[in-house]
Amino acid sequence: MTLVSFRVDDAEVAEMQRWAQQLGAGRSELLREALHRYLVGLESVLDVDRWETEPLAADESAFAEVADWGPADDWSDWIE
């Protein structure tokens, strides 16, 4: 792992500390998770662009019709 250092507003540090205590996590863990989630969100935006510019190939969409079939059997009577 690499150490990353940056400046943060005092009010945000207090809020981060409050959340870390409430969640039972360390501040570093909280920041790592927040950064990870943010980066995943940014990457998903790029995924949308990729899907629009590069549609699925025939072999990648081969199971699309199967997904439309729905459940093979009605198991609702098993609930009771």
C-alpha atoms as a PDB file:
ATOM      1  CA  MET A   1       0.000   0.000   0.000  1.00  0.00           C
ATOM      2  CA  THR A   2       1.018   3.581  -0.596  1.00  0.00           C
ATOM      3  CA  LEU A   3       0.590   6.384   1.891  1.00  0.00           C
ATOM      4  CA  VAL A   4      -1.513   9.263   0.531  1.00  0.00           C
ATOM      5  CA  SER A   5      -1.639  12.579   2.356  1.00  0.00           C
ATOM      6  CA  PHE A   6      -3.942  15.521   1.691  1.00  0.00           C
ATOM      7  CA  ARG A   7      -5.491  18.458   3.483  1.00  0.00           C
ATOM      8  CA  VAL A   8      -9.110  18.360   4.627  1.00  0.00           C
ATOM      9  CA  ASP A   9     -11.362  20.994   6.151  1.00  0.00           C
ATOM     10  CA  ASP A  10     -11.630  20.716   9.959  1.00  0.00           C
ATOM     11  CA  ALA A  11     -15.404  20.280   9.823  1.00  0.00           C
ATOM     12  CA  GLU A  12     -15.023  17.341   7.427  1.00  0.00           C
ATOM     13  CA  VAL A  13     -12.409  15.749   9.687  1.00  0.00           C
ATOM     14  CA  ALA A  14     -14.824  15.982  12.620  1.00  0.00           C
ATOM     15  CA  GLU A  15     -17.595  14.439  10.504  1.00  0.00           C
ATOM     16  CA  MET A  16     -15.247  11.687   9.344  1.00  0.00           C
ATOM     17  CA  GLN A  17     -14.243  10.930  12.940  1.00  0.00           C
ATOM     18  CA  ARG A  18     -17.904  10.817  14.020  1.00  0.00           C
ATOM     19  CA  TRP A  19     -18.767   8.363  11.253  1.00  0.00           C
ATOM     20  CA  ALA A  20     -15.710   6.230  11.880  1.00  0.00           C
ATOM     21  CA  GLN A  21     -16.643   5.889  15.549  1.00  0.00           C
ATOM     22  CA  GLN A  22     -20.282   5.189  14.732  1.00  0.00           C
ATOM     23  CA  LEU A  23     -19.302   2.476  12.247  1.00  0.00           C
ATOM     24  CA  GLY A  24     -16.579   1.028  14.459  1.00  0.00           C
ATOM     25  CA  ALA A  25     -13.971   1.622  11.765  1.00  0.00           C
ATOM     26  CA  GLY A  26     -10.719   3.511  11.614  1.00  0.00           C
ATOM     27  CA  ARG A  27     -10.508   6.790   9.756  1.00  0.00           C
ATOM     28  CA  SER A  28      -8.110   5.290   7.218  1.00  0.00           C
ATOM     29  CA  GLU A  29     -10.486   2.406   6.549  1.00  0.00           C
ATOM     30  CA  LEU A  30     -13.368   4.822   6.096  1.00  0.00           C
ATOM     31  CA  LEU A  31     -11.378   6.945   3.639  1.00  0.00           C
ATOM     32  CA  ARG A  32     -10.122   3.912   1.695  1.00  0.00           C
ATOM     33  CA  GLU A  33     -13.684   2.612   1.311  1.00  0.00           C
ATOM     34  CA  ALA A  34     -14.978   6.050   0.301  1.00  0.00           C
ATOM     35  CA  LEU A  35     -12.239   6.440  -2.302  1.00  0.00           C
ATOM     36  CA  HIS A  36     -12.862   2.938  -3.628  1.00  0.00           C
ATOM     37  CA  ARG A  37     -16.603   3.564  -3.995  1.00  0.00           C
ATOM     38  CA  TYR A  38     -15.976   6.902  -5.695  1.00  0.00           C
ATOM     39  CA  LEU A  39     -13.553   5.347  -8.184  1.00  0.00           C
ATOM     40  CA  VAL A  40     -15.968   2.503  -8.928  1.00  0.00           C
ATOM     41  CA  GLY A  41     -18.671   5.105  -9.616  1.00  0.00           C
ATOM     42  CA  LEU A  42     -16.385   6.997 -11.994  1.00  0.00           C
ATOM     43  CA  GLU A  43     -15.492   3.772 -13.773  1.00  0.00           C
ATOM     44  CA  SER A  44     -19.188   2.942 -14.207  1.00  0.00           C
ATOM     45  CA  VAL A  45     -19.642   6.211 -16.099  1.00  0.00           C
ATOM     46  CA  LEU A  46     -16.945   5.077 -18.510  1.00  0.00           C
ATOM     47  CA  ASP A  47     -18.669   1.694 -18.803  1.00  0.00           C
ATOM     48  CA  VAL A  48     -21.832   3.411 -20.029  1.00  0.00           C
ATOM     49  CA  ASP A  49     -19.848   5.187 -22.720  1.00  0.00           C
ATOM     50  CA  ARG A  50     -18.183   1.912 -23.738  1.00  0.00           C
ATOM     51  CA  TRP A  51     -21.528   0.098 -23.981  1.00  0.00           C
ATOM     52  CA  GLU A  52     -22.928   2.837 -26.190  1.00  0.00           C
ATOM     53  CA  THR A  53     -19.928   2.903 -28.535  1.00  0.00           C
ATOM     54  CA  GLU A  54     -19.198  -0.845 -28.523  1.00  0.00           C
ATOM     55  CA  PRO A  55     -22.435  -2.882 -28.429  1.00  0.00           C
ATOM     56  CA  LEU A  56     -22.328  -6.521 -27.381  1.00  0.00           C
ATOM     57  CA  ALA A  57     -21.076  -9.028 -29.925  1.00  0.00           C
ATOM     58  CA  ALA A  58     -23.330 -11.931 -30.929  1.00  0.00           C
ATOM     59  CA  ASP A  59     -21.584 -14.385 -28.591  1.00  0.00           C
ATOM     60  CA  GLU A  60     -21.854 -11.943 -25.670  1.00  0.00           C
ATOM     61  CA  SER A  61     -25.610 -11.569 -26.096  1.00  0.00           C
ATOM     62  CA  ALA A  62     -26.309 -15.257 -26.779  1.00  0.00           C
ATOM     63  CA  PHE A  63     -28.148 -15.775 -23.485  1.00  0.00           C
ATOM     64  CA  ALA A  64     -30.337 -12.659 -23.720  1.00  0.00           C
ATOM     65  CA  GLU A  65     -33.330 -14.655 -24.966  1.00  0.00           C
ATOM     66  CA  VAL A  66     -32.961 -17.191 -22.150  1.00  0.00           C
ATOM     67  CA  ALA A  67     -33.116 -14.382 -19.585  1.00  0.00           C
ATOM     68  CA  ASP A  68     -36.508 -13.405 -20.992  1.00  0.00           C
ATOM     69  CA  TRP A  69     -37.990 -16.847 -20.355  1.00  0.00           C
ATOM     70  CA  GLY A  70     -38.628 -16.174 -16.676  1.00  0.00           C
ATOM     71  CA  PRO A  71     -38.875 -18.923 -14.055  1.00  0.00           C
ATOM     72  CA  ALA A  72     -39.197 -22.449 -15.418  1.00  0.00           C
ATOM     73  CA  ASP A  73     -41.697 -23.553 -12.741  1.00  0.00           C
ATOM     74  CA  ASP A  74     -44.222 -21.930 -10.463  1.00  0.00           C
ATOM     75  CA  TRP A  75     -43.004 -22.597  -6.913  1.00  0.00           C
ATOM     76  CA  SER A  76     -45.414 -20.193  -5.191  1.00  0.00           C
ATOM     77  CA  ASP A  77     -47.399 -23.083  -3.639  1.00  0.00           C
ATOM     78  CA  TRP A  78     -44.282 -24.074  -1.645  1.00  0.00           C
ATOM     79  CA  ILE A  79     -44.530 -20.940   0.514  1.00  0.00           C
ATOM     80  CA  GLU A  80     -47.040 -22.482   2.901  1.00  0.00           C
END
